Amino acid sequence: MDKSFAPLFAKKPSSWGLRGDPFLWQSMADYLQLQPLPDNTDEFITKIQKTFYYLTQHTMDEERFFKIEKFKHGGMSSGMIDPKFWRQNIMPLLLERFETLFK
């Protein structure tokens, strides 16, 4: 497949979990934009999970919020990431977009 990750991140989600989540989204989009999409769903999920870890040094499986200093841009909860939000909202959104590219 010749397609890149860029179209999957073109439209931002309509809502966010915590204040750091939009900055993580953008960092993930920037990091993946020129990389080719994997050929199947399992590889896609693995790539997103590994990128999440690479950018945060945390896994999506974690239950607690965590703070990423480089995503702090003002406010008390600035830089906070919600892994549950990524599992329950972002991953399904990205998966849906990925699967539509194969149709």
N, C-alpha and C. Protein backbone atom coordinates (compact mmCIF):
# COMPACT_ATOMS: atom_id res chain seq x y z
N MET A 1 0.84 -1.18 0.00
CA MET A 1 0.00 0.00 0.00
C MET A 1 0.88 1.24 0.00
N ASP A 2 0.55 2.23 -0.82
CA ASP A 2 1.37 3.42 -0.97
C ASP A 2 0.89 4.60 -0.12
N LYS A 3 -0.16 4.43 0.60
CA LYS A 3 -0.76 5.53 1.34
C LYS A 3 0.01 5.80 2.63
N SER A 4 0.01 7.06 3.04
CA SER A 4 0.68 7.45 4.27
C SER A 4 -0.35 7.66 5.39
N PHE A 5 0.16 7.93 6.57
CA PHE A 5 -0.68 8.20 7.73
C PHE A 5 -1.33 9.58 7.66
N ALA A 6 -0.80 10.47 6.85
CA ALA A 6 -1.24 11.87 6.84
C ALA A 6 -2.76 12.05 6.75
N PRO A 7 -3.47 11.36 5.84
CA PRO A 7 -4.92 11.58 5.76
C PRO A 7 -5.68 11.19 7.04
N LEU A 8 -5.12 10.27 7.80
CA LEU A 8 -5.80 9.83 9.03
C LEU A 8 -5.83 10.92 10.09
N PHE A 9 -4.86 11.83 10.03
CA PHE A 9 -4.74 12.89 11.02
C PHE A 9 -5.19 14.24 10.48
N ALA A 10 -5.68 14.27 9.25
CA ALA A 10 -6.04 15.54 8.61
C ALA A 10 -7.15 16.29 9.36
N LYS A 11 -8.15 15.57 9.83
CA LYS A 11 -9.25 16.20 10.56
C LYS A 11 -9.12 15.84 12.04
N LYS A 12 -9.01 16.87 12.86
CA LYS A 12 -8.86 16.66 14.30
C LYS A 12 -10.18 16.19 14.91
N PRO A 13 -10.11 15.45 16.02
CA PRO A 13 -11.34 15.05 16.72
C PRO A 13 -12.13 16.27 17.18
N SER A 14 -13.42 16.10 17.36
CA SER A 14 -14.28 17.22 17.77
C SER A 14 -14.15 17.54 19.25
N SER A 15 -13.60 16.61 20.04
CA SER A 15 -13.40 16.87 21.46
C SER A 15 -12.13 16.16 21.93
N TRP A 16 -11.66 16.57 23.08
CA TRP A 16 -10.41 16.03 23.63
C TRP A 16 -10.64 15.57 25.06
N GLY A 17 -9.75 14.71 25.54
CA GLY A 17 -9.81 14.24 26.92
C GLY A 17 -9.23 15.28 27.86
N LEU A 18 -7.93 15.53 27.75
CA LEU A 18 -7.24 16.50 28.60
C LEU A 18 -6.46 17.49 27.73
N ARG A 19 -5.92 18.50 28.35
CA ARG A 19 -5.28 19.59 27.61
C ARG A 19 -4.06 19.19 26.80
N GLY A 20 -3.37 18.13 27.18
CA GLY A 20 -2.21 17.70 26.42
C GLY A 20 -2.55 16.85 25.21
N ASP A 21 -3.76 16.30 25.18
CA ASP A 21 -4.14 15.39 24.10
C ASP A 21 -4.05 16.00 22.70
N PRO A 22 -4.48 17.26 22.48
CA PRO A 22 -4.33 17.83 21.13
C PRO A 22 -2.88 17.96 20.69
N PHE A 23 -1.99 18.22 21.65
CA PHE A 23 -0.57 18.36 21.32
C PHE A 23 0.05 16.99 21.01
N LEU A 24 -0.41 15.96 21.69
CA LEU A 24 0.03 14.61 21.38
C LEU A 24 -0.48 14.21 19.99
N TRP A 25 -1.73 14.53 19.69
CA TRP A 25 -2.30 14.26 18.37
C TRP A 25 -1.42 14.88 17.28
N GLN A 26 -1.08 16.16 17.46
CA GLN A 26 -0.28 16.86 16.46
C GLN A 26 1.12 16.26 16.35
N SER A 27 1.71 15.91 17.49
CA SER A 27 3.04 15.28 17.47
C SER A 27 3.00 13.94 16.76
N MET A 28 1.94 13.20 17.01
CA MET A 28 1.78 11.90 16.35
C MET A 28 1.59 12.10 14.84
N ALA A 29 0.79 13.07 14.47
CA ALA A 29 0.56 13.37 13.04
C ALA A 29 1.88 13.75 12.37
N ASP A 30 2.66 14.61 13.02
CA ASP A 30 3.93 15.05 12.45
C ASP A 30 4.90 13.88 12.32
N TYR A 31 4.95 13.04 13.33
CA TYR A 31 5.88 11.92 13.34
C TYR A 31 5.54 10.88 12.26
N LEU A 32 4.25 10.64 12.07
CA LEU A 32 3.81 9.57 11.16
C LEU A 32 3.50 10.02 9.74
N GLN A 33 3.42 11.31 9.50
CA GLN A 33 2.85 11.82 8.25
C GLN A 33 3.46 11.26 6.96
N LEU A 34 4.75 11.01 6.93
CA LEU A 34 5.37 10.52 5.70
C LEU A 34 5.60 9.01 5.71
N GLN A 35 5.23 8.37 6.80
CA GLN A 35 5.43 6.93 6.87
C GLN A 35 4.29 6.20 6.16
N PRO A 36 4.62 5.11 5.48
CA PRO A 36 3.56 4.36 4.79
C PRO A 36 2.66 3.63 5.78
N LEU A 37 1.42 3.50 5.41
CA LEU A 37 0.48 2.74 6.25
C LEU A 37 0.82 1.26 6.20
N PRO A 38 0.64 0.57 7.32
CA PRO A 38 0.81 -0.89 7.31
C PRO A 38 -0.26 -1.55 6.44
N ASP A 39 -0.04 -2.82 6.15
CA ASP A 39 -0.96 -3.54 5.27
C ASP A 39 -2.17 -4.13 5.97
N ASN A 40 -2.16 -4.16 7.29
CA ASN A 40 -3.31 -4.75 7.99
C ASN A 40 -3.57 -4.05 9.31
N THR A 41 -4.72 -4.35 9.88
CA THR A 41 -5.17 -3.69 11.10
C THR A 41 -4.26 -3.95 12.29
N ASP A 42 -3.80 -5.18 12.45
CA ASP A 42 -2.94 -5.50 13.61
C ASP A 42 -1.65 -4.69 13.57
N GLU A 43 -1.04 -4.59 12.40
CA GLU A 43 0.19 -3.81 12.26
C GLU A 43 -0.09 -2.32 12.49
N PHE A 44 -1.25 -1.87 12.04
CA PHE A 44 -1.64 -0.48 12.24
C PHE A 44 -1.76 -0.17 13.73
N ILE A 45 -2.47 -1.01 14.46
CA ILE A 45 -2.64 -0.80 15.90
C ILE A 45 -1.28 -0.79 16.60
N THR A 46 -0.43 -1.73 16.25
CA THR A 46 0.90 -1.79 16.84
C THR A 46 1.68 -0.51 16.56
N LYS A 47 1.62 -0.01 15.34
CA LYS A 47 2.34 1.21 14.98
C LYS A 47 1.85 2.40 15.79
N ILE A 48 0.54 2.54 15.94
CA ILE A 48 -0.01 3.65 16.73
C ILE A 48 0.42 3.51 18.19
N GLN A 49 0.33 2.32 18.74
CA GLN A 49 0.72 2.11 20.13
C GLN A 49 2.20 2.39 20.35
N LYS A 50 3.04 1.96 19.42
CA LYS A 50 4.48 2.21 19.55
C LYS A 50 4.80 3.70 19.41
N THR A 51 4.09 4.38 18.54
CA THR A 51 4.30 5.83 18.39
C THR A 51 3.85 6.56 19.64
N PHE A 52 2.72 6.16 20.20
CA PHE A 52 2.24 6.74 21.46
C PHE A 52 3.33 6.59 22.53
N TYR A 53 3.89 5.40 22.64
CA TYR A 53 4.95 5.16 23.63
C TYR A 53 6.19 5.99 23.32
N TYR A 54 6.59 6.03 22.08
CA TYR A 54 7.78 6.78 21.68
C TYR A 54 7.64 8.26 22.07
N LEU A 55 6.47 8.82 21.86
CA LEU A 55 6.27 10.25 22.12
C LEU A 55 6.01 10.58 23.59
N THR A 56 5.56 9.58 24.37
CA THR A 56 5.18 9.86 25.76
C THR A 56 5.98 9.08 26.80
N GLN A 57 6.59 7.98 26.39
CA GLN A 57 7.23 7.04 27.32
C GLN A 57 6.21 6.42 28.27
N HIS A 58 4.97 6.34 27.80
CA HIS A 58 3.86 5.70 28.52
C HIS A 58 3.09 4.85 27.51
N THR A 59 2.35 3.87 28.03
CA THR A 59 1.53 3.06 27.13
C THR A 59 0.08 3.51 27.20
N MET A 60 -0.67 3.15 26.18
CA MET A 60 -2.10 3.45 26.15
C MET A 60 -2.86 2.60 27.16
N ASP A 61 -2.25 1.54 27.64
CA ASP A 61 -2.92 0.65 28.60
C ASP A 61 -2.95 1.20 30.01
N GLU A 62 -2.23 2.26 30.26
CA GLU A 62 -2.18 2.82 31.61
C GLU A 62 -3.55 3.35 32.01
N GLU A 63 -3.83 3.32 33.29
CA GLU A 63 -5.12 3.78 33.81
C GLU A 63 -5.08 5.23 34.29
N ARG A 64 -3.91 5.72 34.64
CA ARG A 64 -3.81 7.05 35.23
C ARG A 64 -3.36 8.08 34.19
N PHE A 65 -3.81 9.31 34.38
CA PHE A 65 -3.35 10.42 33.57
C PHE A 65 -1.86 10.60 33.81
N PHE A 66 -1.19 11.21 32.87
CA PHE A 66 0.21 11.56 33.07
C PHE A 66 0.50 12.87 32.36
N LYS A 67 1.59 13.51 32.78
CA LYS A 67 1.96 14.82 32.24
C LYS A 67 3.19 14.70 31.36
N ILE A 68 3.14 15.37 30.23
CA ILE A 68 4.27 15.46 29.30
C ILE A 68 4.68 16.93 29.24
N GLU A 69 5.88 17.22 29.70
CA GLU A 69 6.35 18.60 29.79
C GLU A 69 6.29 19.35 28.46
N LYS A 70 6.68 18.69 27.37
CA LYS A 70 6.71 19.40 26.09
C LYS A 70 5.32 19.73 25.56
N PHE A 71 4.27 19.16 26.17
CA PHE A 71 2.90 19.47 25.76
C PHE A 71 2.24 20.49 26.69
N LYS A 72 3.02 21.06 27.61
CA LYS A 72 2.48 22.08 28.51
C LYS A 72 2.44 23.43 27.79
N HIS A 73 1.25 24.03 27.78
CA HIS A 73 1.08 25.32 27.12
C HIS A 73 0.15 26.22 27.94
N GLY A 74 0.26 26.16 29.26
CA GLY A 74 -0.53 27.02 30.13
C GLY A 74 -1.75 26.33 30.71
N GLY A 75 -2.10 26.72 31.91
CA GLY A 75 -3.25 26.15 32.60
C GLY A 75 -2.83 25.06 33.57
N MET A 76 -3.68 24.83 34.56
CA MET A 76 -3.35 23.89 35.63
C MET A 76 -3.16 22.45 35.14
N SER A 77 -3.99 22.01 34.21
CA SER A 77 -3.87 20.63 33.74
C SER A 77 -3.11 20.54 32.41
N SER A 78 -2.38 21.58 32.10
CA SER A 78 -1.64 21.64 30.85
C SER A 78 -0.64 20.49 30.76
N GLY A 79 -0.57 19.88 29.59
CA GLY A 79 0.36 18.79 29.36
C GLY A 79 -0.14 17.43 29.80
N MET A 80 -1.33 17.37 30.34
CA MET A 80 -1.87 16.09 30.82
C MET A 80 -2.44 15.28 29.65
N ILE A 81 -2.13 13.97 29.68
CA ILE A 81 -2.59 13.03 28.67
C ILE A 81 -3.46 11.99 29.36
N ASP A 82 -4.56 11.63 28.71
CA ASP A 82 -5.47 10.62 29.23
C ASP A 82 -5.40 9.37 28.35
N PRO A 83 -4.65 8.35 28.79
CA PRO A 83 -4.55 7.14 27.96
C PRO A 83 -5.88 6.45 27.70
N LYS A 84 -6.81 6.55 28.65
CA LYS A 84 -8.13 5.96 28.47
C LYS A 84 -8.86 6.64 27.30
N PHE A 85 -8.74 7.95 27.20
CA PHE A 85 -9.33 8.69 26.09
C PHE A 85 -8.75 8.20 24.76
N TRP A 86 -7.45 7.96 24.74
CA TRP A 86 -6.80 7.48 23.52
C TRP A 86 -7.28 6.08 23.17
N ARG A 87 -7.44 5.23 24.16
CA ARG A 87 -7.94 3.87 23.91
C ARG A 87 -9.37 3.88 23.42
N GLN A 88 -10.22 4.67 24.08
CA GLN A 88 -11.65 4.61 23.83
C GLN A 88 -12.14 5.53 22.73
N ASN A 89 -11.39 6.58 22.41
CA ASN A 89 -11.85 7.55 21.42
C ASN A 89 -10.93 7.68 20.22
N ILE A 90 -9.66 7.91 20.48
CA ILE A 90 -8.74 8.17 19.38
C ILE A 90 -8.43 6.90 18.58
N MET A 91 -8.14 5.82 19.26
CA MET A 91 -7.82 4.58 18.53
C MET A 91 -8.99 4.13 17.65
N PRO A 92 -10.23 4.10 18.15
CA PRO A 92 -11.35 3.73 17.26
C PRO A 92 -11.51 4.70 16.08
N LEU A 93 -11.29 5.99 16.31
CA LEU A 93 -11.38 6.98 15.24
C LEU A 93 -10.32 6.70 14.16
N LEU A 94 -9.08 6.49 14.59
CA LEU A 94 -8.01 6.21 13.64
C LEU A 94 -8.23 4.89 12.91
N LEU A 95 -8.71 3.88 13.64
CA LEU A 95 -9.00 2.59 13.02
C LEU A 95 -10.07 2.72 11.94
N GLU A 96 -11.11 3.46 12.25
CA GLU A 96 -12.19 3.67 11.28
C GLU A 96 -11.65 4.35 10.02
N ARG A 97 -10.82 5.37 10.21
CA ARG A 97 -10.24 6.06 9.06
C ARG A 97 -9.31 5.14 8.27
N PHE A 98 -8.52 4.35 8.98
CA PHE A 98 -7.62 3.39 8.34
C PHE A 98 -8.41 2.40 7.49
N GLU A 99 -9.47 1.86 8.06
CA GLU A 99 -10.25 0.84 7.37
C GLU A 99 -10.97 1.41 6.15
N THR A 100 -11.36 2.68 6.19
CA THR A 100 -12.01 3.27 5.02
C THR A 100 -11.05 3.42 3.84
N LEU A 101 -9.77 3.53 4.12
CA LEU A 101 -8.79 3.63 3.04
C LEU A 101 -8.66 2.33 2.26
N PHE A 102 -9.04 1.22 2.89
CA PHE A 102 -8.95 -0.09 2.24
C PHE A 102 -10.20 -0.43 1.44
N LYS A 103 -11.26 0.33 1.59
CA LYS A 103 -12.52 0.02 0.90
C LYS A 103 -12.49 0.51 -0.53
